[in-house]
């Protein structure tokens, strides 16, 4: 088994923000393989998140973020279980990063179920028309539309989006990591994004 050095633990901590003991354990389990250790920590974060999902989260923060010289503004409410966690610098930074994500990427909803049905149907019709115009066979039209819709959801649903500061993870992964770190259920409750001159 590879020797687990302090440098390896430090690198894994930098990449995942997990605690020292968790990093050491993950590296041991992965036989010193950095990528496998990252995957191990992500999976354990997901397990923790799933365990905490049903717990009440009525504390948290409402954060406002103004971008590009006052042309874009975001209000976001992120909930956690205790005021203690809500007041930590780590949680405040996490909420600020979420608001910056919303400002930069203009999601249409928190999860894909939040996107209006009429908008989804309109997108499907557009993709089907495009594929038909390109002369694609009828039998694969649905598959093409499904693939395009998956891309649409990844751009339009906040939780499905790739995190702008680390495109290797999604916003859902980021939240799961935060749940693993704090030991509390954390959820994005609502947000609103304003752009100057837009309805």
Protein backbone atom coordinates (compact mmCIF):
# COMPACT_ATOMS: atom_id res chain seq x y z
CA UNK A 1 0.00 0.00 0.00
CA UNK A 2 1.27 3.49 -0.85
CA UNK A 3 2.49 5.66 2.02
CA UNK A 4 -0.08 8.40 2.81
CA UNK A 5 1.92 11.61 3.11
CA UNK A 6 0.90 14.90 4.70
CA UNK A 7 1.23 16.48 1.23
CA UNK A 8 -1.33 14.02 -0.20
CA UNK A 9 -3.75 14.76 2.63
CA UNK A 10 -3.26 18.50 2.08
CA UNK A 11 -3.93 18.16 -1.67
CA UNK A 12 -7.10 16.11 -1.05
CA UNK A 13 -8.30 18.64 1.53
CA UNK A 14 -7.73 21.47 -0.98
CA UNK A 15 -9.74 19.60 -3.62
CA UNK A 16 -12.64 18.46 -1.43
CA UNK A 17 -12.64 20.65 1.72
CA UNK A 18 -13.11 17.45 3.77
CA UNK A 19 -11.58 17.11 7.24
CA UNK A 20 -8.04 15.76 7.79
CA UNK A 21 -9.21 12.42 9.23
CA UNK A 22 -11.73 11.91 6.40
CA UNK A 23 -9.01 12.64 3.82
CA UNK A 24 -6.58 10.23 5.48
CA UNK A 25 -9.24 7.49 5.61
CA UNK A 26 -10.25 8.08 1.96
CA UNK A 27 -6.62 7.89 0.78
CA UNK A 28 -6.07 4.67 2.76
CA UNK A 29 -9.23 3.12 1.28
CA UNK A 30 -8.12 4.20 -2.21
CA UNK A 31 -4.58 2.81 -1.77
CA UNK A 32 -3.14 6.29 -2.20
CA UNK A 33 -4.99 6.92 -5.49
CA UNK A 34 -6.01 10.60 -5.41
CA UNK A 35 -8.89 10.33 -7.91
CA UNK A 36 -10.41 7.32 -6.15
CA UNK A 37 -10.10 9.15 -2.82
CA UNK A 38 -11.97 12.16 -4.27
CA UNK A 39 -14.72 9.82 -5.53
CA UNK A 40 -14.87 8.09 -2.13
CA UNK A 41 -15.36 11.44 -0.33
CA UNK A 42 -18.01 12.56 -2.83
CA UNK A 43 -19.94 9.30 -2.33
CA UNK A 44 -19.73 9.53 1.46
CA UNK A 45 -20.95 13.15 1.18
CA UNK A 46 -23.92 11.90 -0.84
CA UNK A 47 -24.72 9.21 1.78
CA UNK A 48 -24.62 11.81 4.55
CA UNK A 49 -26.81 14.14 2.49
CA UNK A 50 -29.41 11.42 1.89
CA UNK A 51 -29.53 10.61 5.62
CA UNK A 52 -30.07 14.27 6.51
CA UNK A 53 -32.55 15.08 3.71
CA UNK A 54 -35.70 14.66 5.83
CA UNK A 55 -34.53 16.82 8.72
CA UNK A 56 -36.07 20.23 9.35
CA UNK A 57 -34.01 23.13 8.02
CA UNK A 58 -35.66 26.39 9.04
CA UNK A 59 -32.52 28.38 9.86
CA UNK A 60 -30.11 29.79 7.30
CA UNK A 61 -29.46 33.00 5.39
CA UNK A 62 -31.00 35.29 2.83
CA UNK A 63 -28.15 36.75 0.80
CA UNK A 64 -28.14 39.54 -1.77
CA UNK A 65 -25.53 39.77 -4.48
CA UNK A 66 -25.09 42.62 -6.97
CA UNK A 67 -23.07 41.90 -10.10
CA UNK A 68 -21.51 43.84 -13.03
CA UNK A 69 -21.89 47.39 -11.74
CA UNK A 70 -25.46 47.04 -10.53
CA UNK A 71 -26.89 45.49 -13.71
CA UNK A 72 -27.65 42.05 -12.21
CA UNK A 73 -28.95 41.33 -8.71
CA UNK A 74 -29.71 38.07 -6.91
CA UNK A 75 -31.60 37.29 -3.70
CA UNK A 76 -31.24 33.71 -2.48
CA UNK A 77 -32.50 31.88 0.62
CA UNK A 78 -30.45 28.88 1.74
CA UNK A 79 -31.62 26.87 4.74
CA UNK A 80 -29.76 24.80 7.31
CA UNK A 81 -30.79 23.29 10.66
CA UNK A 82 -29.15 25.62 13.20
CA UNK A 83 -28.31 29.27 13.60
CA UNK A 84 -24.84 28.14 14.70
CA UNK A 85 -24.03 26.79 11.20
CA UNK A 86 -25.77 29.74 9.49
CA UNK A 87 -23.40 32.17 11.24
CA UNK A 88 -20.18 30.41 10.22
CA UNK A 89 -17.94 32.03 7.61
CA UNK A 90 -17.94 28.76 5.65
CA UNK A 91 -21.75 28.77 5.32
CA UNK A 92 -21.81 32.48 4.41
CA UNK A 93 -19.18 31.89 1.69
CA UNK A 94 -21.16 28.89 0.43
CA UNK A 95 -24.35 30.99 0.12
CA UNK A 96 -22.43 33.82 -1.57
CA UNK A 97 -20.99 31.35 -4.10
CA UNK A 98 -24.50 30.07 -4.84
CA UNK A 99 -25.73 33.62 -5.46
CA UNK A 100 -22.78 34.26 -7.81
CA UNK A 101 -23.66 31.02 -9.65
CA UNK A 102 -27.25 32.22 -10.09
CA UNK A 103 -26.09 35.65 -11.32
CA UNK A 104 -23.72 34.08 -13.86
CA UNK A 105 -25.86 31.21 -15.18
CA UNK A 106 -29.49 32.44 -14.98
CA UNK A 107 -31.16 29.16 -13.91
CA UNK A 108 -34.91 28.83 -14.53
CA UNK A 109 -35.56 26.85 -11.33
CA UNK A 110 -33.87 25.15 -8.38
CA UNK A 111 -34.63 21.65 -9.71
CA UNK A 112 -35.87 20.49 -13.09
CA UNK A 113 -39.40 19.98 -11.67
CA UNK A 114 -39.54 23.75 -11.01
CA UNK A 115 -39.17 24.66 -14.70
CA UNK A 116 -42.60 25.55 -16.18
CA UNK A 117 -44.14 22.69 -18.20
CA UNK A 118 -45.03 24.98 -21.12
CA UNK A 119 -41.37 26.02 -21.44
CA UNK A 120 -40.26 22.36 -21.45
CA UNK A 121 -42.84 21.50 -24.14
CA UNK A 122 -41.71 24.49 -26.24
CA UNK A 123 -38.07 23.37 -26.04
CA UNK A 124 -39.01 19.81 -27.04
CA UNK A 125 -40.91 21.10 -30.08
CA UNK A 126 -37.97 23.28 -31.16
CA UNK A 127 -35.48 20.38 -30.83
CA UNK A 128 -37.80 18.01 -32.71
CA UNK A 129 -38.27 20.56 -35.52
CA UNK A 130 -34.50 21.13 -35.76
CA UNK A 131 -33.80 17.38 -35.97
CA UNK A 132 -36.55 16.89 -38.58
CA UNK A 133 -35.16 19.76 -40.71
CA UNK A 134 -31.72 18.13 -40.58
CA UNK A 135 -33.31 15.02 -42.10
CA UNK A 136 -32.83 12.77 -39.07
CA UNK A 137 -34.81 9.48 -39.24
CA UNK A 138 -38.16 9.44 -37.40
CA UNK A 139 -37.14 6.49 -35.18
CA UNK A 140 -34.26 8.42 -33.54
CA UNK A 141 -36.03 11.78 -33.15
CA UNK A 142 -37.11 11.03 -29.57
CA UNK A 143 -33.56 10.04 -28.59
CA UNK A 144 -32.17 13.26 -30.08
CA UNK A 145 -34.81 15.34 -28.26
CA UNK A 146 -34.08 13.50 -25.00
CA UNK A 147 -30.35 14.22 -25.31
CA UNK A 148 -30.98 17.91 -26.03
CA UNK A 149 -33.41 18.13 -23.09
CA UNK A 150 -30.78 16.66 -20.78
CA UNK A 151 -28.40 19.45 -21.86
CA UNK A 152 -31.22 21.99 -21.36
CA UNK A 153 -31.80 20.76 -17.78
CA UNK A 154 -28.08 20.91 -17.00
CA UNK A 155 -28.11 24.57 -18.02
CA UNK A 156 -31.52 25.57 -16.62
CA UNK A 157 -31.87 23.68 -13.32
CA UNK A 158 -29.63 25.13 -10.57
CA UNK A 159 -28.96 21.75 -8.91
CA UNK A 160 -28.03 20.15 -12.25
CA UNK A 161 -25.68 22.96 -13.30
CA UNK A 162 -21.92 22.54 -13.26
CA UNK A 163 -20.39 24.72 -10.54
CA UNK A 164 -18.67 27.71 -12.18
CA UNK A 165 -15.74 27.57 -9.72
CA UNK A 166 -15.22 23.81 -10.24
CA UNK A 167 -16.88 22.45 -13.42
CA UNK A 168 -16.09 18.85 -12.35
CA UNK A 169 -18.95 19.01 -9.84
CA UNK A 170 -22.60 20.05 -9.96
CA UNK A 171 -24.37 22.39 -7.55
CA UNK A 172 -26.06 19.30 -6.07
CA UNK A 173 -22.56 17.84 -5.39
CA UNK A 174 -21.52 21.14 -3.80
CA UNK A 175 -24.54 21.03 -1.47
CA UNK A 176 -23.86 17.38 -0.59
CA UNK A 177 -20.25 18.28 0.28
CA UNK A 178 -21.51 21.08 2.54
CA UNK A 179 -23.98 18.70 4.24
CA UNK A 180 -21.13 16.23 4.87
CA UNK A 181 -18.98 19.01 6.36
CA UNK A 182 -21.62 20.61 8.60
CA UNK A 183 -23.59 17.49 9.52
CA UNK A 184 -26.81 19.40 8.81
CA UNK A 185 -29.50 19.26 6.14
CA UNK A 186 -28.93 22.16 3.72
CA UNK A 187 -31.24 23.22 0.91
CA UNK A 188 -31.77 26.11 -1.48
CA UNK A 189 -35.30 27.29 -0.67
CA UNK A 190 -35.81 30.01 -3.28
CA UNK A 191 -34.08 32.64 -5.35
CA UNK A 192 -34.87 35.56 -7.60
CA UNK A 193 -32.55 37.04 -10.25
CA UNK A 194 -32.99 40.55 -11.60
CA UNK A 195 -31.37 42.04 -14.68
CA UNK A 196 -31.69 45.76 -15.33
CA UNK A 197 -34.43 46.43 -17.89
CA UNK A 198 -35.75 42.83 -17.93
CA UNK A 199 -39.25 41.77 -16.84
